[in-house]
Amino acid sequence: MKNRNLVYKRINQLENTLVNLKRIVSTQEPIEVYKTNIGQAMDLLDKIKDLVETQPLDPSEINPIR
Protein backbone atom coordinates (compact mmCIF):
# COMPACT_ATOMS: atom_id res chain seq x y z
CA MET A 1 0.00 0.00 0.00
CA LYS A 2 1.34 3.38 -0.96
CA ASN A 3 1.09 6.15 1.60
CA ARG A 4 1.06 3.64 4.45
CA ASN A 5 2.75 6.17 6.74
CA LEU A 6 0.09 8.77 5.99
CA VAL A 7 -2.67 6.26 6.79
CA TYR A 8 -1.00 5.39 10.09
CA LYS A 9 -0.59 9.10 10.87
CA ARG A 10 -4.33 9.70 10.30
CA ILE A 11 -5.23 6.65 12.41
CA ASN A 12 -3.03 7.95 15.23
CA GLN A 13 -4.72 11.35 14.98
CA LEU A 14 -8.12 9.65 15.19
CA GLU A 15 -6.98 7.63 18.19
CA ASN A 16 -5.76 10.79 19.94
CA THR A 17 -9.08 12.51 19.26
CA LEU A 18 -10.96 9.56 20.76
CA VAL A 19 -8.74 9.63 23.85
CA ASN A 20 -9.46 13.35 24.15
CA LEU A 21 -13.20 12.66 23.89
CA LYS A 22 -12.92 10.18 26.73
CA ARG A 23 -11.14 12.82 28.81
CA ILE A 24 -13.81 15.39 27.98
CA VAL A 25 -16.53 13.06 29.24
CA SER A 26 -14.58 12.23 32.39
CA THR A 27 -14.04 15.89 33.27
CA GLN A 28 -17.55 16.96 32.23
CA GLU A 29 -16.42 19.72 29.90
CA PRO A 30 -19.01 21.73 27.95
CA ILE A 31 -20.96 19.90 25.23
CA GLU A 32 -19.57 22.26 22.58
CA VAL A 33 -16.03 20.97 23.19
CA TYR A 34 -17.33 17.42 22.82
CA LYS A 35 -19.16 18.26 19.58
CA THR A 36 -16.05 19.92 18.14
CA ASN A 37 -13.97 16.82 18.84
CA ILE A 38 -16.66 14.54 17.37
CA GLY A 39 -16.49 16.64 14.19
CA GLN A 40 -12.71 16.30 14.10
CA ALA A 41 -12.98 12.52 14.52
CA MET A 42 -15.50 12.30 11.67
CA ASP A 43 -13.25 14.40 9.41
CA LEU A 44 -10.26 12.17 10.17
CA LEU A 45 -12.33 9.07 9.45
CA ASP A 46 -13.35 10.50 6.07
CA LYS A 47 -9.70 11.29 5.25
CA ILE A 48 -8.66 7.74 6.15
CA LYS A 49 -11.42 6.27 3.97
CA ASP A 50 -10.35 8.51 1.07
CA LEU A 51 -6.72 7.43 1.44
CA VAL A 52 -7.65 3.75 1.45
CA GLU A 53 -10.01 4.10 -1.52
CA THR A 54 -7.36 5.84 -3.64
CA GLN A 55 -4.91 2.97 -3.20
CA PRO A 56 -4.61 0.57 -6.11
CA LEU A 57 -6.31 -2.75 -5.53
CA ASP A 58 -4.15 -5.78 -4.90
CA PRO A 59 -4.88 -8.73 -7.21
CA SER A 60 -5.92 -10.77 -4.15
CA GLU A 61 -8.70 -8.30 -3.32
CA ILE A 62 -11.93 -9.68 -4.73
CA ASN A 63 -14.56 -7.61 -2.93
CA PRO A 64 -13.32 -4.11 -2.24
CA ILE A 65 -15.21 -2.20 0.45
CA ARG A 66 -17.01 0.81 -1.01
PDB file of N, CA and C in Angstrom:
ATOM      1  N   MET A   1       0.845  -1.176   0.000  1.00  0.00           N
ATOM      2  CA  MET A   1       0.000   0.000   0.000  1.00  0.00           C
ATOM      3  C   MET A   1       0.888   1.237   0.000  1.00  0.00           C
ATOM      4  N   LYS A   2       0.630   2.104  -0.943  1.00  0.00           N
ATOM      5  CA  LYS A   2       1.335   3.378  -0.961  1.00  0.00           C
ATOM      6  C   LYS A   2       0.763   4.241   0.150  1.00  0.00           C
ATOM      7  N   ASN A   3       1.526   5.204   0.569  1.00  0.00           N
ATOM      8  CA  ASN A   3       1.086   6.148   1.601  1.00  0.00           C
ATOM      9  C   ASN A   3       0.727   5.477   2.929  1.00  0.00           C
ATOM     10  N   ARG A   4       1.333   4.357   3.204  1.00  0.00           N
ATOM     11  CA  ARG A   4       1.055   3.643   4.450  1.00  0.00           C
ATOM     12  C   ARG A   4       1.327   4.533   5.668  1.00  0.00           C
ATOM     13  N   ASN A   5       2.416   5.302   5.615  1.00  0.00           N
ATOM     14  CA  ASN A   5       2.753   6.173   6.741  1.00  0.00           C
ATOM     15  C   ASN A   5       1.682   7.236   6.962  1.00  0.00           C
ATOM     16  N   LEU A   6       1.132   7.760   5.870  1.00  0.00           N
ATOM     17  CA  LEU A   6       0.085   8.766   5.988  1.00  0.00           C
ATOM     18  C   LEU A   6      -1.177   8.168   6.600  1.00  0.00           C
ATOM     19  N   VAL A   7      -1.506   6.938   6.213  1.00  0.00           N
ATOM     20  CA  VAL A   7      -2.675   6.261   6.788  1.00  0.00           C
ATOM     21  C   VAL A   7      -2.461   6.053   8.282  1.00  0.00           C
ATOM     22  N   TYR A   8      -1.290   5.586   8.667  1.00  0.00           N
ATOM     23  CA  TYR A   8      -0.996   5.394  10.090  1.00  0.00           C
ATOM     24  C   TYR A   8      -1.055   6.720  10.857  1.00  0.00           C
ATOM     25  N   LYS A   9      -0.563   7.792  10.232  1.00  0.00           N
ATOM     26  CA  LYS A   9      -0.594   9.103  10.873  1.00  0.00           C
ATOM     27  C   LYS A   9      -2.043   9.520  11.134  1.00  0.00           C
ATOM     28  N   ARG A  10      -2.908   9.337  10.142  1.00  0.00           N
ATOM     29  CA  ARG A  10      -4.325   9.699  10.303  1.00  0.00           C
ATOM     30  C   ARG A  10      -5.003   8.822  11.367  1.00  0.00           C
ATOM     31  N   ILE A  11      -4.662   7.549  11.391  1.00  0.00           N
ATOM     32  CA  ILE A  11      -5.233   6.654  12.407  1.00  0.00           C
ATOM     33  C   ILE A  11      -4.781   7.088  13.797  1.00  0.00           C
ATOM     34  N   ASN A  12      -3.525   7.463  13.937  1.00  0.00           N
ATOM     35  CA  ASN A  12      -3.028   7.954  15.231  1.00  0.00           C
ATOM     36  C   ASN A  12      -3.738   9.239  15.639  1.00  0.00           C
ATOM     37  N   GLN A  13      -3.994  10.123  14.670  1.00  0.00           N
ATOM     38  CA  GLN A  13      -4.724  11.347  14.976  1.00  0.00           C
ATOM     39  C   GLN A  13      -6.135  11.023  15.453  1.00  0.00           C
ATOM     40  N   LEU A  14      -6.782  10.063  14.791  1.00  0.00           N
ATOM     41  CA  LEU A  14      -8.119   9.652  15.191  1.00  0.00           C
ATOM     42  C   LEU A  14      -8.100   9.058  16.596  1.00  0.00           C
ATOM     43  N   GLU A  15      -7.100   8.229  16.863  1.00  0.00           N
ATOM     44  CA  GLU A  15      -6.978   7.633  18.194  1.00  0.00           C
ATOM     45  C   GLU A  15      -6.804   8.713  19.264  1.00  0.00           C
ATOM     46  N   ASN A  16      -5.976   9.703  18.980  1.00  0.00           N
ATOM     47  CA  ASN A  16      -5.760  10.793  19.935  1.00  0.00           C
ATOM     48  C   ASN A  16      -7.047  11.587  20.165  1.00  0.00           C
ATOM     49  N   THR A  17      -7.807  11.793  19.112  1.00  0.00           N
ATOM     50  CA  THR A  17      -9.078  12.507  19.257  1.00  0.00           C
ATOM     51  C   THR A  17     -10.039  11.716  20.122  1.00  0.00           C
ATOM     52  N   LEU A  18     -10.075  10.402  19.945  1.00  0.00           N
ATOM     53  CA  LEU A  18     -10.958   9.563  20.759  1.00  0.00           C
ATOM     54  C   LEU A  18     -10.535   9.561  22.228  1.00  0.00           C
ATOM     55  N   VAL A  19      -9.233   9.547  22.476  1.00  0.00           N
ATOM     56  CA  VAL A  19      -8.738   9.627  23.855  1.00  0.00           C
ATOM     57  C   VAL A  19      -9.144  10.965  24.467  1.00  0.00           C
ATOM     58  N   ASN A  20      -9.059  12.031  23.669  1.00  0.00           N
ATOM     59  CA  ASN A  20      -9.460  13.349  24.151  1.00  0.00           C
ATOM     60  C   ASN A  20     -10.957  13.377  24.450  1.00  0.00           C
ATOM     61  N   LEU A  21     -11.763  12.720  23.631  1.00  0.00           N
ATOM     62  CA  LEU A  21     -13.204  12.656  23.889  1.00  0.00           C
ATOM     63  C   LEU A  21     -13.491  11.946  25.212  1.00  0.00           C
ATOM     64  N   LYS A  22     -12.754  10.899  25.463  1.00  0.00           N
ATOM     65  CA  LYS A  22     -12.922  10.177  26.728  1.00  0.00           C
ATOM     66  C   LYS A  22     -12.586  11.088  27.910  1.00  0.00           C
ATOM     67  N   ARG A  23     -11.528  11.881  27.761  1.00  0.00           N
ATOM     68  CA  ARG A  23     -11.141  12.822  28.806  1.00  0.00           C
ATOM     69  C   ARG A  23     -12.218  13.886  29.008  1.00  0.00           C
ATOM     70  N   ILE A  24     -12.772  14.365  27.902  1.00  0.00           N
ATOM     71  CA  ILE A  24     -13.813  15.390  27.976  1.00  0.00           C
ATOM     72  C   ILE A  24     -15.012  14.874  28.761  1.00  0.00           C
ATOM     73  N   VAL A  25     -15.398  13.644  28.515  1.00  0.00           N
ATOM     74  CA  VAL A  25     -16.529  13.056  29.236  1.00  0.00           C
ATOM     75  C   VAL A  25     -16.187  12.895  30.709  1.00  0.00           C
ATOM     76  N   SER A  26     -14.983  12.458  30.993  1.00  0.00           N
ATOM     77  CA  SER A  26     -14.579  12.232  32.390  1.00  0.00           C
ATOM     78  C   SER A  26     -14.550  13.522  33.197  1.00  0.00           C
ATOM     79  N   THR A  27     -14.164  14.621  32.551  1.00  0.00           N
ATOM     80  CA  THR A  27     -14.043  15.887  33.267  1.00  0.00           C
ATOM     81  C   THR A  27     -15.285  16.757  33.120  1.00  0.00           C
ATOM     82  N   GLN A  28     -16.282  16.267  32.426  1.00  0.00           N
ATOM     83  CA  GLN A  28     -17.550  16.959  32.235  1.00  0.00           C
ATOM     84  C   GLN A  28     -17.371  18.361  31.656  1.00  0.00           C
ATOM     85  N   GLU A  29     -16.599  18.440  30.589  1.00  0.00           N
ATOM     86  CA  GLU A  29     -16.421  19.716  29.901  1.00  0.00           C
ATOM     87  C   GLU A  29     -17.701  20.071  29.143  1.00  0.00           C
ATOM     88  N   PRO A  30     -17.808  21.302  28.665  1.00  0.00           N
ATOM     89  CA  PRO A  30     -19.014  21.726  27.948  1.00  0.00           C
ATOM     90  C   PRO A  30     -19.281  20.872  26.700  1.00  0.00           C
ATOM     91  N   ILE A  31     -20.546  20.727  26.355  1.00  0.00           N
ATOM     92  CA  ILE A  31     -20.958  19.897  25.231  1.00  0.00           C
ATOM     93  C   ILE A  31     -20.375  20.407  23.906  1.00  0.00           C
ATOM     94  N   GLU A  32     -20.127  21.698  23.807  1.00  0.00           N
ATOM     95  CA  GLU A  32     -19.568  22.262  22.578  1.00  0.00           C
ATOM     96  C   GLU A  32     -18.170  21.713  22.300  1.00  0.00           C
ATOM     97  N   VAL A  33     -17.381  21.544  23.340  1.00  0.00           N
ATOM     98  CA  VAL A  33     -16.035  20.974  23.186  1.00  0.00           C
ATOM     99  C   VAL A  33     -16.152  19.540  22.681  1.00  0.00           C
ATOM    100  N   TYR A  34     -17.103  18.798  23.226  1.00  0.00           N
ATOM    101  CA  TYR A  34     -17.330  17.416  22.819  1.00  0.00           C
ATOM    102  C   TYR A  34     -17.749  17.362  21.353  1.00  0.00           C
ATOM    103  N   LYS A  35     -18.678  18.234  20.965  1.00  0.00           N
ATOM    104  CA  LYS A  35     -19.161  18.258  19.581  1.00  0.00           C
ATOM    105  C   LYS A  35     -18.041  18.613  18.609  1.00  0.00           C
ATOM    106  N   THR A  36     -17.186  19.536  18.994  1.00  0.00           N
ATOM    107  CA  THR A  36     -16.050  19.922  18.142  1.00  0.00           C
ATOM    108  C   THR A  36     -15.135  18.726  17.904  1.00  0.00           C
ATOM    109  N   ASN A  37     -14.845  17.982  18.961  1.00  0.00           N
ATOM    110  CA  ASN A  37     -13.966  16.820  18.839  1.00  0.00           C
ATOM    111  C   ASN A  37     -14.630  15.691  18.049  1.00  0.00           C
ATOM    112  N   ILE A  38     -15.934  15.540  18.173  1.00  0.00           N
ATOM    113  CA  ILE A  38     -16.657  14.543  17.368  1.00  0.00           C
ATOM    114  C   ILE A  38     -16.512  14.898  15.894  1.00  0.00           C
ATOM    115  N   GLY A  39     -16.657  16.181  15.573  1.00  0.00           N
ATOM    116  CA  GLY A  39     -16.488  16.644  14.193  1.00  0.00           C
ATOM    117  C   GLY A  39     -15.094  16.359  13.670  1.00  0.00           C
ATOM    118  N   GLN A  40     -14.089  16.578  14.499  1.00  0.00           N
ATOM    119  CA  GLN A  40     -12.708  16.296  14.101  1.00  0.00           C
ATOM    120  C   GLN A  40     -12.521  14.803  13.843  1.00  0.00           C
ATOM    121  N   ALA A  41     -13.097  13.978  14.694  1.00  0.00           N
ATOM    122  CA  ALA A  41     -12.981  12.524  14.516  1.00  0.00           C
ATOM    123  C   ALA A  41     -13.644  12.086  13.216  1.00  0.00           C
ATOM    124  N   MET A  42     -14.796  12.648  12.912  1.00  0.00           N
ATOM    125  CA  MET A  42     -15.500  12.300  11.674  1.00  0.00           C
ATOM    126  C   MET A  42     -14.690  12.731  10.449  1.00  0.00           C
ATOM    127  N   ASP A  43     -14.084  13.922  10.518  1.00  0.00           N
ATOM    128  CA  ASP A  43     -13.247  14.402   9.409  1.00  0.00           C
ATOM    129  C   ASP A  43     -12.053  13.482   9.192  1.00  0.00           C
ATOM    130  N   LEU A  44     -11.406  13.075  10.281  1.00  0.00           N
ATOM    131  CA  LEU A  44     -10.261  12.168  10.170  1.00  0.00           C
ATOM    132  C   LEU A  44     -10.683  10.829   9.580  1.00  0.00           C
ATOM    133  N   LEU A  45     -11.835  10.331   9.990  1.00  0.00           N
ATOM    134  CA  LEU A  45     -12.332   9.067   9.454  1.00  0.00           C
ATOM    135  C   LEU A  45     -12.575   9.180   7.952  1.00  0.00           C
ATOM    136  N   ASP A  46     -13.140  10.291   7.504  1.00  0.00           N
ATOM    137  CA  ASP A  46     -13.353  10.500   6.071  1.00  0.00           C
ATOM    138  C   ASP A  46     -12.024  10.544   5.316  1.00  0.00           C
ATOM    139  N   LYS A  47     -11.017  11.206   5.894  1.00  0.00           N
ATOM    140  CA  LYS A  47      -9.704  11.286   5.254  1.00  0.00           C
ATOM    141  C   LYS A  47      -9.066   9.911   5.141  1.00  0.00           C
ATOM    142  N   ILE A  48      -9.210   9.092   6.173  1.00  0.00           N
ATOM    143  CA  ILE A  48      -8.656   7.737   6.148  1.00  0.00           C
ATOM    144  C   ILE A  48      -9.349   6.915   5.066  1.00  0.00           C
ATOM    145  N   LYS A  49     -10.668   7.002   4.999  1.00  0.00           N
ATOM    146  CA  LYS A  49     -11.417   6.272   3.969  1.00  0.00           C
ATOM    147  C   LYS A  49     -10.969   6.695   2.575  1.00  0.00           C
ATOM    148  N   ASP A  50     -10.803   8.012   2.366  1.00  0.00           N
ATOM    149  CA  ASP A  50     -10.350   8.509   1.070  1.00  0.00           C
ATOM    150  C   ASP A  50      -8.974   7.969   0.712  1.00  0.00           C
ATOM    151  N   LEU A  51      -8.064   7.950   1.697  1.00  0.00           N
ATOM    152  CA  LEU A  51      -6.716   7.427   1.441  1.00  0.00           C
ATOM    153  C   LEU A  51      -6.760   5.957   1.044  1.00  0.00           C
ATOM    154  N   VAL A  52      -7.572   5.180   1.732  1.00  0.00           N
ATOM    155  CA  VAL A  52      -7.653   3.747   1.448  1.00  0.00           C
ATOM    156  C   VAL A  52      -8.285   3.518   0.074  1.00  0.00           C
ATOM    157  N   GLU A  53      -9.322   4.284  -0.251  1.00  0.00           N
ATOM    158  CA  GLU A  53     -10.008   4.098  -1.524  1.00  0.00           C
ATOM    159  C   GLU A  53      -9.150   4.495  -2.717  1.00  0.00           C
ATOM    160  N   THR A  54      -8.202   5.412  -2.528  1.00  0.00           N
ATOM    161  CA  THR A  54      -7.365   5.839  -3.640  1.00  0.00           C
ATOM    162  C   THR A  54      -6.202   4.884  -3.902  1.00  0.00           C
ATOM    163  N   GLN A  55      -5.994   3.938  -3.027  1.00  0.00           N
ATOM    164  CA  GLN A  55      -4.907   2.975  -3.204  1.00  0.00           C
ATOM    165  C   GLN A  55      -5.282   1.963  -4.284  1.00  0.00           C
ATOM    166  N   PRO A  56      -4.307   1.579  -5.096  1.00  0.00           N
ATOM    167  CA  PRO A  56      -4.608   0.568  -6.111  1.00  0.00           C
ATOM    168  C   PRO A  56      -4.967  -0.762  -5.449  1.00  0.00           C
ATOM    169  N   LEU A  57      -5.894  -1.466  -6.068  1.00  0.00           N
ATOM    170  CA  LEU A  57      -6.309  -2.755  -5.530  1.00  0.00           C
ATOM    171  C   LEU A  57      -5.241  -3.806  -5.775  1.00  0.00           C
ATOM    172  N   ASP A  58      -5.056  -4.647  -4.807  1.00  0.00           N
ATOM    173  CA  ASP A  58      -4.152  -5.779  -4.898  1.00  0.00           C
ATOM    174  C   ASP A  58      -4.878  -6.885  -5.662  1.00  0.00           C
ATOM    175  N   PRO A  59      -4.194  -7.658  -6.476  1.00  0.00           N
ATOM    176  CA  PRO A  59      -4.882  -8.731  -7.208  1.00  0.00           C
ATOM    177  C   PRO A  59      -5.631  -9.718  -6.310  1.00  0.00           C
ATOM    178  N   SER A  60      -5.235  -9.830  -5.053  1.00  0.00           N
ATOM    179  CA  SER A  60      -5.915 -10.768  -4.155  1.00  0.00           C
ATOM    180  C   SER A  60      -7.216 -10.200  -3.582  1.00  0.00           C
ATOM    181  N   GLU A  61      -7.477  -8.910  -3.828  1.00  0.00           N
ATOM    182  CA  GLU A  61      -8.704  -8.296  -3.321  1.00  0.00           C
ATOM    183  C   GLU A  61      -9.845  -8.542  -4.307  1.00  0.00           C
ATOM    184  N   ILE A  62     -10.811  -9.334  -3.863  1.00  0.00           N
ATOM    185  CA  ILE A  62     -11.932  -9.680  -4.733  1.00  0.00           C
ATOM    186  C   ILE A  62     -13.096  -8.716  -4.526  1.00  0.00           C
ATOM    187  N   ASN A  63     -13.429  -8.464  -3.259  1.00  0.00           N
ATOM    188  CA  ASN A  63     -14.564  -7.612  -2.929  1.00  0.00           C
ATOM    189  C   ASN A  63     -14.110  -6.373  -2.183  1.00  0.00           C
ATOM    190  N   PRO A  64     -13.750  -5.317  -2.926  1.00  0.00           N
ATOM    191  CA  PRO A  64     -13.323  -4.107  -2.236  1.00  0.00           C
ATOM    192  C   PRO A  64     -14.484  -3.485  -1.484  1.00  0.00           C
ATOM    193  N   ILE A  65     -14.187  -2.861  -0.370  1.00  0.00           N
ATOM    194  CA  ILE A  65     -15.207  -2.205   0.452  1.00  0.00           C
ATOM    195  C   ILE A  65     -15.449  -0.814  -0.116  1.00  0.00           C
ATOM    196  N   ARG A  66     -16.654  -0.522  -0.486  1.00  0.00           N
ATOM    197  CA  ARG A  66     -17.008   0.814  -1.005  1.00  0.00           C
ATOM    198  C   ARG A  66     -18.386   1.143  -0.613  1.00  0.00           C
TER     199      ARG A  66
END
